[in-house]
Amino acid sequence: QRDFDDFSRQRLQIKPSGRVHISEVSRAFRQQYARYRTTEQMSDNVLKGYFRAFAKRTTGMKGRQGFYKGIALTEAANAFGAETAGVTRLKEEQERREAERAKA
């Protein structure tokens, strides 16, 4: 439970335009926490239960066919600590927007 709470603080973002499938969350969680890589350490149903509780607590919404609105899965660093291409692209876009705002 504590590991999933840490994961949710680091990788799950509440945003109105967000949409995530429970399988994406499960895959990301298992990649980030090596001790839960297989279902022997934590079953899919337990992991889904943690995510459903998080979703209900934060958005008050129940997912349809595994999709949850209002929640986004953020990019993370790769296994070597370097930023992924998605994270780099997001940072560049944010810097560009800030530069445009400063000019205006």
N, C-alpha and C. Protein backbone atom coordinates (compact mmCIF):
# COMPACT_ATOMS: atom_id res chain seq x y z
N GLN A 1 0.83 -1.20 0.00
CA GLN A 1 0.00 0.00 0.00
C GLN A 1 0.87 1.26 0.00
N ARG A 2 1.90 1.27 0.84
CA ARG A 2 2.75 2.45 0.94
C ARG A 2 3.49 2.72 -0.37
N ASP A 3 3.95 1.65 -1.03
CA ASP A 3 4.64 1.82 -2.30
C ASP A 3 3.70 2.40 -3.35
N PHE A 4 2.46 1.95 -3.37
CA PHE A 4 1.52 2.51 -4.35
C PHE A 4 1.22 3.97 -4.04
N ASP A 5 1.13 4.32 -2.77
CA ASP A 5 0.92 5.72 -2.40
C ASP A 5 2.08 6.59 -2.88
N ASP A 6 3.31 6.09 -2.71
CA ASP A 6 4.49 6.82 -3.20
C ASP A 6 4.42 6.96 -4.73
N PHE A 7 4.07 5.87 -5.39
CA PHE A 7 3.95 5.88 -6.85
C PHE A 7 2.89 6.89 -7.29
N SER A 8 1.76 6.92 -6.61
CA SER A 8 0.68 7.83 -7.01
C SER A 8 1.10 9.30 -6.84
N ARG A 9 1.89 9.59 -5.82
CA ARG A 9 2.37 10.96 -5.64
C ARG A 9 3.37 11.35 -6.73
N GLN A 10 4.19 10.39 -7.15
CA GLN A 10 5.23 10.67 -8.14
C GLN A 10 4.73 10.67 -9.57
N ARG A 11 3.85 9.73 -9.92
CA ARG A 11 3.53 9.49 -11.33
C ARG A 11 2.10 9.77 -11.75
N LEU A 12 1.16 9.87 -10.81
CA LEU A 12 -0.23 10.11 -11.18
C LEU A 12 -0.56 11.57 -10.94
N GLN A 13 -1.12 12.18 -11.94
CA GLN A 13 -1.43 13.61 -11.88
C GLN A 13 -2.92 13.80 -12.10
N ILE A 14 -3.52 14.63 -11.27
CA ILE A 14 -4.94 14.96 -11.42
C ILE A 14 -5.03 16.13 -12.38
N LYS A 15 -5.66 15.90 -13.54
CA LYS A 15 -5.84 16.99 -14.49
C LYS A 15 -7.10 16.72 -15.30
N PRO A 16 -7.88 17.75 -15.53
CA PRO A 16 -9.18 17.58 -16.19
C PRO A 16 -9.12 16.87 -17.54
N SER A 17 -8.05 17.10 -18.29
CA SER A 17 -7.95 16.49 -19.61
C SER A 17 -7.30 15.11 -19.57
N GLY A 18 -6.94 14.64 -18.39
CA GLY A 18 -6.26 13.38 -18.26
C GLY A 18 -7.16 12.18 -18.51
N ARG A 19 -6.55 11.12 -18.99
CA ARG A 19 -7.27 9.87 -19.19
C ARG A 19 -6.24 8.76 -19.15
N VAL A 20 -6.51 7.75 -18.36
CA VAL A 20 -5.55 6.67 -18.21
C VAL A 20 -6.30 5.34 -18.09
N HIS A 21 -5.69 4.29 -18.60
CA HIS A 21 -6.26 2.96 -18.46
C HIS A 21 -5.54 2.27 -17.31
N ILE A 22 -6.27 1.46 -16.61
CA ILE A 22 -5.72 0.81 -15.42
C ILE A 22 -4.51 -0.07 -15.78
N SER A 23 -4.48 -0.63 -16.98
CA SER A 23 -3.34 -1.47 -17.39
C SER A 23 -2.07 -0.63 -17.54
N GLU A 24 -2.20 0.63 -17.96
CA GLU A 24 -1.03 1.52 -18.07
C GLU A 24 -0.45 1.79 -16.70
N VAL A 25 -1.32 2.01 -15.73
CA VAL A 25 -0.88 2.28 -14.36
C VAL A 25 -0.19 1.04 -13.80
N SER A 26 -0.79 -0.11 -14.03
CA SER A 26 -0.22 -1.36 -13.54
C SER A 26 1.17 -1.60 -14.13
N ARG A 27 1.31 -1.40 -15.44
CA ARG A 27 2.59 -1.59 -16.11
C ARG A 27 3.64 -0.62 -15.57
N ALA A 28 3.27 0.65 -15.41
CA ALA A 28 4.22 1.65 -14.92
C ALA A 28 4.63 1.35 -13.48
N PHE A 29 3.67 0.94 -12.65
CA PHE A 29 3.98 0.61 -11.26
C PHE A 29 4.95 -0.56 -11.19
N ARG A 30 4.69 -1.59 -11.95
CA ARG A 30 5.55 -2.78 -11.92
C ARG A 30 6.94 -2.48 -12.48
N GLN A 31 7.05 -1.57 -13.44
CA GLN A 31 8.36 -1.18 -13.95
C GLN A 31 9.14 -0.37 -12.94
N GLN A 32 8.46 0.46 -12.19
CA GLN A 32 9.13 1.33 -11.22
C GLN A 32 9.55 0.58 -9.97
N TYR A 33 8.76 -0.39 -9.55
CA TYR A 33 9.05 -1.15 -8.33
C TYR A 33 9.38 -2.59 -8.69
N ALA A 34 10.66 -2.88 -8.73
CA ALA A 34 11.13 -4.20 -9.18
C ALA A 34 10.57 -5.35 -8.33
N ARG A 35 10.34 -5.12 -7.08
CA ARG A 35 9.87 -6.23 -6.23
C ARG A 35 8.43 -6.63 -6.54
N TYR A 36 7.73 -5.83 -7.34
CA TYR A 36 6.35 -6.17 -7.73
C TYR A 36 6.25 -6.50 -9.22
N ARG A 37 7.34 -6.89 -9.84
CA ARG A 37 7.34 -7.14 -11.28
C ARG A 37 6.40 -8.27 -11.69
N THR A 38 6.21 -9.25 -10.83
CA THR A 38 5.32 -10.35 -11.17
C THR A 38 4.09 -10.32 -10.27
N THR A 39 3.09 -11.08 -10.67
CA THR A 39 1.85 -11.11 -9.89
C THR A 39 1.99 -11.95 -8.63
N GLU A 40 3.12 -12.62 -8.45
CA GLU A 40 3.33 -13.40 -7.23
C GLU A 40 3.54 -12.48 -6.03
N GLN A 41 4.20 -11.35 -6.24
CA GLN A 41 4.45 -10.41 -5.15
C GLN A 41 3.21 -9.58 -4.84
N MET A 42 2.48 -9.18 -5.88
CA MET A 42 1.25 -8.42 -5.70
C MET A 42 0.34 -8.77 -6.87
N SER A 43 -0.83 -9.27 -6.57
CA SER A 43 -1.74 -9.68 -7.64
C SER A 43 -2.29 -8.45 -8.38
N ASP A 44 -2.73 -8.69 -9.60
CA ASP A 44 -3.33 -7.60 -10.38
C ASP A 44 -4.56 -7.05 -9.69
N ASN A 45 -5.34 -7.92 -9.06
CA ASN A 45 -6.56 -7.45 -8.39
C ASN A 45 -6.26 -6.53 -7.22
N VAL A 46 -5.20 -6.83 -6.47
CA VAL A 46 -4.81 -5.97 -5.35
C VAL A 46 -4.35 -4.61 -5.88
N LEU A 47 -3.53 -4.64 -6.92
CA LEU A 47 -3.04 -3.41 -7.53
C LEU A 47 -4.18 -2.57 -8.09
N LYS A 48 -5.12 -3.22 -8.76
CA LYS A 48 -6.29 -2.52 -9.29
C LYS A 48 -7.12 -1.93 -8.15
N GLY A 49 -7.21 -2.64 -7.05
CA GLY A 49 -7.94 -2.13 -5.90
C GLY A 49 -7.31 -0.86 -5.34
N TYR A 50 -5.99 -0.84 -5.26
CA TYR A 50 -5.30 0.36 -4.80
C TYR A 50 -5.56 1.53 -5.74
N PHE A 51 -5.50 1.26 -7.06
CA PHE A 51 -5.73 2.33 -8.02
C PHE A 51 -7.18 2.82 -7.96
N ARG A 52 -8.11 1.90 -7.87
CA ARG A 52 -9.53 2.31 -7.79
C ARG A 52 -9.78 3.17 -6.56
N ALA A 53 -9.18 2.81 -5.44
CA ALA A 53 -9.33 3.60 -4.21
C ALA A 53 -8.73 5.00 -4.41
N PHE A 54 -7.58 5.06 -5.06
CA PHE A 54 -6.95 6.35 -5.36
C PHE A 54 -7.86 7.19 -6.25
N ALA A 55 -8.39 6.59 -7.30
CA ALA A 55 -9.24 7.31 -8.24
C ALA A 55 -10.51 7.82 -7.57
N LYS A 56 -11.11 6.99 -6.76
CA LYS A 56 -12.34 7.40 -6.08
C LYS A 56 -12.06 8.51 -5.08
N ARG A 57 -10.93 8.41 -4.39
CA ARG A 57 -10.56 9.41 -3.38
C ARG A 57 -10.23 10.76 -4.02
N THR A 58 -9.56 10.73 -5.17
CA THR A 58 -9.09 11.98 -5.77
C THR A 58 -10.08 12.62 -6.73
N THR A 59 -10.76 11.80 -7.52
CA THR A 59 -11.67 12.37 -8.52
C THR A 59 -13.13 12.07 -8.23
N GLY A 60 -13.37 11.08 -7.38
CA GLY A 60 -14.74 10.69 -7.09
C GLY A 60 -15.41 9.96 -8.23
N MET A 61 -14.61 9.62 -9.26
CA MET A 61 -15.17 8.98 -10.44
C MET A 61 -14.82 7.50 -10.48
N LYS A 62 -15.72 6.75 -11.08
CA LYS A 62 -15.50 5.33 -11.28
C LYS A 62 -15.17 5.11 -12.75
N GLY A 63 -14.20 4.30 -13.02
CA GLY A 63 -13.78 4.08 -14.40
C GLY A 63 -14.77 3.25 -15.20
N ARG A 64 -14.75 3.46 -16.50
CA ARG A 64 -15.58 2.68 -17.41
C ARG A 64 -14.66 1.85 -18.30
N GLN A 65 -14.84 0.55 -18.25
CA GLN A 65 -14.03 -0.39 -19.03
C GLN A 65 -12.54 -0.19 -18.79
N GLY A 66 -12.17 0.17 -17.58
CA GLY A 66 -10.77 0.32 -17.22
C GLY A 66 -10.19 1.70 -17.45
N PHE A 67 -10.95 2.60 -18.10
CA PHE A 67 -10.46 3.96 -18.34
C PHE A 67 -10.94 4.90 -17.24
N TYR A 68 -10.04 5.78 -16.81
CA TYR A 68 -10.37 6.74 -15.76
C TYR A 68 -10.09 8.14 -16.28
N LYS A 69 -11.09 9.00 -16.22
CA LYS A 69 -10.93 10.39 -16.66
C LYS A 69 -10.45 11.24 -15.48
N GLY A 70 -9.70 12.28 -15.80
CA GLY A 70 -9.23 13.20 -14.77
C GLY A 70 -7.93 12.80 -14.12
N ILE A 71 -7.35 11.69 -14.58
CA ILE A 71 -6.07 11.22 -14.03
C ILE A 71 -5.12 10.98 -15.20
N ALA A 72 -3.90 11.45 -15.06
CA ALA A 72 -2.89 11.25 -16.10
C ALA A 72 -1.67 10.59 -15.50
N LEU A 73 -1.04 9.75 -16.27
CA LEU A 73 0.19 9.09 -15.88
C LEU A 73 1.34 9.91 -16.44
N THR A 74 2.21 10.41 -15.58
CA THR A 74 3.31 11.25 -16.03
C THR A 74 4.49 10.38 -16.47
N GLU A 75 5.34 10.97 -17.28
CA GLU A 75 6.55 10.29 -17.75
C GLU A 75 7.54 10.19 -16.58
N ALA A 76 8.43 9.24 -16.69
CA ALA A 76 9.44 9.08 -15.64
C ALA A 76 10.80 8.92 -16.28
N ALA A 77 11.81 8.97 -15.46
CA ALA A 77 13.17 8.72 -15.94
C ALA A 77 13.31 7.24 -16.28
N ASN A 78 14.25 6.94 -17.15
CA ASN A 78 14.47 5.53 -17.49
C ASN A 78 15.25 4.85 -16.37
N ALA A 79 15.58 3.60 -16.55
CA ALA A 79 16.24 2.81 -15.50
C ALA A 79 17.60 3.35 -15.11
N PHE A 80 18.23 4.14 -16.00
CA PHE A 80 19.55 4.67 -15.72
C PHE A 80 19.51 6.08 -15.15
N GLY A 81 18.31 6.59 -14.89
CA GLY A 81 18.16 7.91 -14.30
C GLY A 81 18.10 9.04 -15.30
N ALA A 82 18.24 8.72 -16.58
CA ALA A 82 18.17 9.76 -17.61
C ALA A 82 16.71 10.02 -17.99
N GLU A 83 16.44 11.21 -18.46
CA GLU A 83 15.08 11.54 -18.84
C GLU A 83 14.68 10.80 -20.11
N THR A 84 13.44 10.40 -20.19
CA THR A 84 12.95 9.78 -21.41
C THR A 84 12.68 10.87 -22.44
N ALA A 85 12.48 10.45 -23.67
CA ALA A 85 12.21 11.42 -24.74
C ALA A 85 10.95 12.21 -24.45
N GLY A 86 9.95 11.57 -23.86
CA GLY A 86 8.71 12.26 -23.54
C GLY A 86 8.91 13.36 -22.51
N VAL A 87 9.71 13.09 -21.49
CA VAL A 87 9.97 14.09 -20.46
C VAL A 87 10.75 15.25 -21.05
N THR A 88 11.76 14.95 -21.87
CA THR A 88 12.55 16.00 -22.50
C THR A 88 11.67 16.88 -23.38
N ARG A 89 10.80 16.26 -24.16
CA ARG A 89 9.90 17.01 -25.05
C ARG A 89 8.98 17.91 -24.24
N LEU A 90 8.43 17.40 -23.14
CA LEU A 90 7.54 18.20 -22.30
C LEU A 90 8.26 19.40 -21.70
N LYS A 91 9.48 19.19 -21.24
CA LYS A 91 10.26 20.29 -20.66
C LYS A 91 10.58 21.35 -21.71
N GLU A 92 10.95 20.91 -22.91
CA GLU A 92 11.24 21.87 -23.98
C GLU A 92 10.00 22.68 -24.33
N GLU A 93 8.87 22.01 -24.39
CA GLU A 93 7.61 22.71 -24.70
C GLU A 93 7.27 23.73 -23.62
N GLN A 94 7.46 23.34 -22.37
CA GLN A 94 7.18 24.25 -21.27
C GLN A 94 8.12 25.47 -21.31
N GLU A 95 9.40 25.24 -21.58
CA GLU A 95 10.35 26.35 -21.68
C GLU A 95 9.99 27.28 -22.82
N ARG A 96 9.57 26.73 -23.96
CA ARG A 96 9.17 27.53 -25.11
C ARG A 96 7.97 28.40 -24.76
N ARG A 97 6.99 27.82 -24.07
CA ARG A 97 5.80 28.59 -23.67
C ARG A 97 6.15 29.72 -22.71
N GLU A 98 7.04 29.42 -21.76
CA GLU A 98 7.46 30.44 -20.80
C GLU A 98 8.20 31.58 -21.51
N ALA A 99 9.02 31.24 -22.50
CA ALA A 99 9.74 32.27 -23.27
C ALA A 99 8.75 33.15 -24.04
N GLU A 100 7.71 32.53 -24.61
CA GLU A 100 6.70 33.29 -25.33
C GLU A 100 5.93 34.22 -24.39
N ARG A 101 5.64 33.74 -23.20
CA ARG A 101 4.93 34.56 -22.22
C ARG A 101 5.79 35.75 -21.77
N ALA A 102 7.09 35.51 -21.64
CA ALA A 102 7.99 36.58 -21.21
C ALA A 102 8.08 37.67 -22.27
N LYS A 103 8.00 37.29 -23.53
CA LYS A 103 8.05 38.26 -24.63
C LYS A 103 6.79 39.12 -24.67
N ALA A 104 5.67 38.51 -24.31
CA ALA A 104 4.37 39.23 -24.41
C ALA A 104 4.18 40.24 -23.31
